[in-house]
N, C-alpha and C. Protein backbone atom coordinates (compact mmCIF):
# COMPACT_ATOMS: atom_id res chain seq x y z
N MET A 1 -13.22 -0.44 -10.08
CA MET A 1 -12.85 0.76 -9.35
C MET A 1 -13.76 0.98 -8.15
N ALA A 2 -15.00 0.49 -8.24
CA ALA A 2 -15.92 0.68 -7.12
C ALA A 2 -15.38 -0.01 -5.87
N LYS A 3 -14.80 -1.19 -6.05
CA LYS A 3 -14.23 -1.89 -4.90
C LYS A 3 -13.06 -1.10 -4.31
N PHE A 4 -12.26 -0.46 -5.15
CA PHE A 4 -11.15 0.33 -4.66
C PHE A 4 -11.66 1.49 -3.82
N GLY A 5 -12.74 2.12 -4.26
CA GLY A 5 -13.35 3.21 -3.50
C GLY A 5 -13.78 2.76 -2.12
N GLU A 6 -14.37 1.58 -2.04
CA GLU A 6 -14.77 1.02 -0.74
C GLU A 6 -13.54 0.74 0.12
N LEU A 7 -12.50 0.23 -0.52
CA LEU A 7 -11.27 -0.13 0.17
C LEU A 7 -10.62 1.07 0.86
N ILE A 8 -10.54 2.19 0.15
CA ILE A 8 -9.82 3.35 0.68
C ILE A 8 -10.69 4.26 1.54
N SER A 9 -11.99 4.02 1.58
CA SER A 9 -12.87 4.91 2.34
C SER A 9 -12.95 4.54 3.82
N SER A 10 -12.20 3.56 4.24
CA SER A 10 -12.19 3.11 5.63
C SER A 10 -11.68 4.22 6.55
N ASN A 11 -12.17 4.23 7.78
CA ASN A 11 -11.69 5.22 8.75
C ASN A 11 -10.42 4.77 9.46
N VAL A 12 -9.93 3.57 9.12
CA VAL A 12 -8.60 3.15 9.60
C VAL A 12 -7.64 3.32 8.43
N PRO A 13 -6.38 3.65 8.70
CA PRO A 13 -5.43 3.83 7.61
C PRO A 13 -5.27 2.56 6.79
N THR A 14 -5.17 2.73 5.48
CA THR A 14 -4.98 1.62 4.56
C THR A 14 -3.68 1.84 3.80
N LEU A 15 -2.72 0.95 4.02
CA LEU A 15 -1.45 1.00 3.31
C LEU A 15 -1.55 0.06 2.11
N ILE A 16 -1.34 0.61 0.91
CA ILE A 16 -1.43 -0.19 -0.29
C ILE A 16 -0.06 -0.25 -0.95
N ASP A 17 0.35 -1.46 -1.29
CA ASP A 17 1.59 -1.69 -2.03
C ASP A 17 1.20 -2.03 -3.46
N PHE A 18 1.50 -1.12 -4.38
CA PHE A 18 1.30 -1.39 -5.80
C PHE A 18 2.59 -2.02 -6.31
N TYR A 19 2.52 -3.26 -6.78
CA TYR A 19 3.71 -4.02 -7.15
C TYR A 19 3.48 -4.75 -8.47
N ALA A 20 4.56 -5.34 -8.99
CA ALA A 20 4.47 -6.22 -10.16
C ALA A 20 5.27 -7.48 -9.88
N ASP A 21 4.75 -8.61 -10.29
CA ASP A 21 5.42 -9.89 -10.04
C ASP A 21 6.77 -10.01 -10.71
N TRP A 22 6.97 -9.29 -11.79
CA TRP A 22 8.24 -9.41 -12.50
C TRP A 22 9.39 -8.70 -11.78
N ASN A 23 9.10 -7.92 -10.75
CA ASN A 23 10.15 -7.23 -9.99
C ASN A 23 10.71 -8.21 -8.96
N GLU A 24 11.97 -8.57 -9.10
CA GLU A 24 12.58 -9.57 -8.22
C GLU A 24 12.68 -9.11 -6.77
N ASN A 25 12.62 -7.81 -6.51
CA ASN A 25 12.69 -7.29 -5.14
C ASN A 25 11.40 -7.52 -4.36
N ASN A 26 10.34 -7.89 -5.04
CA ASN A 26 9.06 -8.08 -4.36
C ASN A 26 9.07 -9.21 -3.34
N THR A 27 9.92 -10.18 -3.52
CA THR A 27 10.01 -11.28 -2.56
C THR A 27 10.37 -10.74 -1.19
N ASN A 28 11.32 -9.83 -1.12
CA ASN A 28 11.70 -9.21 0.15
C ASN A 28 10.55 -8.38 0.72
N LEU A 29 9.82 -7.70 -0.16
CA LEU A 29 8.74 -6.83 0.30
C LEU A 29 7.58 -7.62 0.88
N HIS A 30 7.38 -8.86 0.43
CA HIS A 30 6.30 -9.67 0.99
C HIS A 30 6.52 -9.85 2.50
N SER A 31 7.74 -10.15 2.90
CA SER A 31 8.00 -10.34 4.33
C SER A 31 7.94 -9.01 5.08
N VAL A 32 8.37 -7.92 4.45
CA VAL A 32 8.27 -6.59 5.07
C VAL A 32 6.80 -6.26 5.34
N LEU A 33 5.94 -6.49 4.35
CA LEU A 33 4.52 -6.18 4.53
C LEU A 33 3.86 -7.09 5.56
N ARG A 34 4.30 -8.33 5.64
CA ARG A 34 3.78 -9.23 6.70
C ARG A 34 4.14 -8.67 8.07
N ASP A 35 5.37 -8.18 8.21
CA ASP A 35 5.79 -7.59 9.49
C ASP A 35 4.98 -6.35 9.82
N VAL A 36 4.74 -5.53 8.81
CA VAL A 36 3.95 -4.30 9.01
C VAL A 36 2.53 -4.66 9.45
N ALA A 37 1.92 -5.60 8.74
CA ALA A 37 0.55 -6.02 9.07
C ALA A 37 0.48 -6.61 10.48
N ALA A 38 1.47 -7.42 10.85
CA ALA A 38 1.49 -8.02 12.18
C ALA A 38 1.66 -6.96 13.26
N ALA A 39 2.49 -5.98 13.02
CA ALA A 39 2.74 -4.94 14.02
C ALA A 39 1.52 -4.03 14.21
N LEU A 40 0.79 -3.77 13.14
CA LEU A 40 -0.34 -2.85 13.22
C LEU A 40 -1.64 -3.54 13.62
N GLY A 41 -1.74 -4.83 13.37
CA GLY A 41 -2.94 -5.58 13.75
C GLY A 41 -4.20 -5.01 13.12
N ASP A 42 -5.24 -4.85 13.95
CA ASP A 42 -6.53 -4.34 13.47
C ASP A 42 -6.56 -2.84 13.31
N LYS A 43 -5.50 -2.16 13.70
CA LYS A 43 -5.49 -0.69 13.65
C LYS A 43 -5.35 -0.14 12.24
N ALA A 44 -4.94 -0.99 11.30
CA ALA A 44 -4.75 -0.55 9.92
C ALA A 44 -4.90 -1.74 8.98
N LYS A 45 -5.10 -1.43 7.69
CA LYS A 45 -5.15 -2.47 6.66
C LYS A 45 -3.87 -2.39 5.84
N VAL A 46 -3.37 -3.54 5.44
CA VAL A 46 -2.21 -3.61 4.55
C VAL A 46 -2.64 -4.46 3.35
N ILE A 47 -2.55 -3.86 2.16
CA ILE A 47 -3.08 -4.51 0.97
C ILE A 47 -2.05 -4.43 -0.16
N LYS A 48 -1.97 -5.49 -0.94
CA LYS A 48 -1.09 -5.52 -2.12
C LYS A 48 -1.97 -5.53 -3.36
N ILE A 49 -1.60 -4.71 -4.35
CA ILE A 49 -2.33 -4.68 -5.61
C ILE A 49 -1.32 -4.84 -6.75
N ASP A 50 -1.52 -5.87 -7.56
CA ASP A 50 -0.66 -6.15 -8.70
C ASP A 50 -0.99 -5.17 -9.82
N ILE A 51 -0.02 -4.34 -10.22
CA ILE A 51 -0.29 -3.32 -11.23
C ILE A 51 -0.53 -3.93 -12.62
N ASP A 52 0.02 -5.11 -12.87
CA ASP A 52 -0.22 -5.76 -14.16
C ASP A 52 -1.65 -6.28 -14.28
N LYS A 53 -2.22 -6.71 -13.17
CA LYS A 53 -3.59 -7.23 -13.17
C LYS A 53 -4.62 -6.12 -12.97
N ASN A 54 -4.16 -4.92 -12.60
CA ASN A 54 -5.05 -3.78 -12.33
C ASN A 54 -4.53 -2.54 -13.06
N GLN A 55 -4.34 -2.69 -14.38
CA GLN A 55 -3.72 -1.62 -15.15
C GLN A 55 -4.55 -0.34 -15.20
N ILE A 56 -5.85 -0.46 -15.24
CA ILE A 56 -6.71 0.74 -15.29
C ILE A 56 -6.54 1.55 -14.01
N LEU A 57 -6.56 0.87 -12.87
CA LEU A 57 -6.35 1.53 -11.59
C LEU A 57 -4.96 2.14 -11.52
N ALA A 58 -3.94 1.38 -11.91
CA ALA A 58 -2.56 1.88 -11.87
C ALA A 58 -2.40 3.12 -12.74
N ASN A 59 -3.01 3.11 -13.91
CA ASN A 59 -2.94 4.28 -14.79
C ASN A 59 -3.69 5.46 -14.20
N ALA A 60 -4.86 5.20 -13.61
CA ALA A 60 -5.65 6.28 -13.01
C ALA A 60 -4.89 6.96 -11.86
N LEU A 61 -4.12 6.16 -11.13
CA LEU A 61 -3.35 6.70 -10.01
C LEU A 61 -1.93 7.13 -10.42
N ARG A 62 -1.64 6.99 -11.70
CA ARG A 62 -0.32 7.34 -12.25
C ARG A 62 0.82 6.63 -11.52
N ILE A 63 0.64 5.33 -11.33
CA ILE A 63 1.68 4.51 -10.69
C ILE A 63 2.78 4.28 -11.72
N LYS A 64 3.93 4.85 -11.47
CA LYS A 64 5.07 4.71 -12.40
C LYS A 64 6.17 3.84 -11.79
N GLY A 65 6.45 4.01 -10.51
CA GLY A 65 7.50 3.25 -9.84
C GLY A 65 6.98 1.94 -9.31
N ASN A 66 7.89 1.01 -9.13
CA ASN A 66 7.52 -0.30 -8.61
C ASN A 66 8.55 -0.70 -7.56
N PRO A 67 8.16 -0.80 -6.31
CA PRO A 67 6.80 -0.65 -5.79
C PRO A 67 6.46 0.82 -5.52
N THR A 68 5.16 1.08 -5.42
CA THR A 68 4.67 2.38 -4.96
C THR A 68 3.76 2.10 -3.77
N PHE A 69 4.02 2.80 -2.68
CA PHE A 69 3.21 2.67 -1.46
C PHE A 69 2.35 3.91 -1.32
N ILE A 70 1.07 3.70 -0.97
CA ILE A 70 0.16 4.82 -0.73
C ILE A 70 -0.61 4.52 0.56
N ILE A 71 -0.77 5.54 1.40
CA ILE A 71 -1.60 5.42 2.59
C ILE A 71 -2.86 6.25 2.36
N TYR A 72 -4.02 5.62 2.54
CA TYR A 72 -5.31 6.29 2.45
C TYR A 72 -6.00 6.23 3.81
N LYS A 73 -6.80 7.24 4.08
CA LYS A 73 -7.69 7.22 5.25
C LYS A 73 -8.91 8.06 4.90
N ASN A 74 -10.09 7.50 5.13
CA ASN A 74 -11.35 8.18 4.81
C ASN A 74 -11.40 8.63 3.36
N GLY A 75 -10.85 7.81 2.46
CA GLY A 75 -10.90 8.11 1.04
C GLY A 75 -9.89 9.13 0.56
N GLU A 76 -9.05 9.61 1.44
CA GLU A 76 -8.09 10.65 1.10
C GLU A 76 -6.66 10.10 1.13
N MET A 77 -5.89 10.41 0.08
CA MET A 77 -4.50 9.99 0.05
C MET A 77 -3.72 10.83 1.07
N LYS A 78 -3.04 10.15 1.99
CA LYS A 78 -2.30 10.84 3.04
C LYS A 78 -0.79 10.86 2.77
N TRP A 79 -0.30 9.84 2.08
CA TRP A 79 1.14 9.71 1.84
C TRP A 79 1.36 8.82 0.65
N ARG A 80 2.43 9.11 -0.11
CA ARG A 80 2.74 8.29 -1.29
C ARG A 80 4.25 8.32 -1.52
N GLN A 81 4.81 7.14 -1.84
CA GLN A 81 6.26 7.05 -2.07
C GLN A 81 6.53 5.85 -2.97
N SER A 82 7.37 6.06 -3.96
CA SER A 82 7.83 4.94 -4.79
C SER A 82 9.18 4.48 -4.28
N GLY A 83 9.45 3.20 -4.45
CA GLY A 83 10.72 2.63 -4.02
C GLY A 83 10.56 1.80 -2.77
N GLU A 84 11.57 0.99 -2.52
CA GLU A 84 11.52 0.09 -1.37
C GLU A 84 11.53 0.87 -0.05
N GLN A 85 10.80 0.33 0.91
CA GLN A 85 10.73 0.89 2.26
C GLN A 85 10.93 -0.25 3.25
N ASP A 86 11.51 0.06 4.41
CA ASP A 86 11.64 -0.99 5.41
C ASP A 86 10.41 -1.01 6.31
N ALA A 87 10.25 -2.09 7.04
CA ALA A 87 9.05 -2.28 7.87
C ALA A 87 8.88 -1.17 8.90
N ASN A 88 9.96 -0.79 9.60
CA ASN A 88 9.84 0.23 10.64
C ASN A 88 9.39 1.56 10.09
N THR A 89 9.89 1.92 8.90
CA THR A 89 9.48 3.18 8.27
C THR A 89 7.99 3.14 7.96
N LEU A 90 7.54 2.05 7.35
CA LEU A 90 6.12 1.94 6.98
C LEU A 90 5.23 1.93 8.21
N ILE A 91 5.64 1.24 9.26
CA ILE A 91 4.85 1.19 10.49
C ILE A 91 4.71 2.58 11.08
N SER A 92 5.81 3.33 11.18
CA SER A 92 5.74 4.66 11.78
C SER A 92 4.93 5.61 10.92
N LEU A 93 4.99 5.47 9.60
CA LEU A 93 4.18 6.31 8.72
C LEU A 93 2.69 6.05 8.93
N VAL A 94 2.31 4.78 8.95
CA VAL A 94 0.89 4.44 9.14
C VAL A 94 0.42 4.89 10.52
N GLN A 95 1.26 4.76 11.55
CA GLN A 95 0.87 5.13 12.91
C GLN A 95 0.54 6.63 13.02
N GLN A 96 1.08 7.45 12.14
CA GLN A 96 0.76 8.88 12.15
C GLN A 96 -0.72 9.14 11.87
N TYR A 97 -1.37 8.18 11.22
CA TYR A 97 -2.77 8.39 10.80
C TYR A 97 -3.76 7.55 11.60
N LEU A 98 -3.31 6.96 12.69
CA LEU A 98 -4.22 6.15 13.53
C LEU A 98 -5.17 7.05 14.30
């Protein structure tokens, strides 16, 4: 959890995708997240966290839906949504916190 604290305490927005490998829709989301990361460049971080490999963290954050996206900035949760999102939506959401 200490690493997670360091991860979200950045002063640039951090978009985290909490996912599970068993969800067949994740293949599509990989390319969506690549597009988001490419569009935002160094202005933001885009990170994927496997909820099956990080169950303590997922439980602490009450991650129920798959995928769940959360945007953090300076250690504070700014936005959270479960369910698939398209690249343009995610990009515009993150840009609000630049």
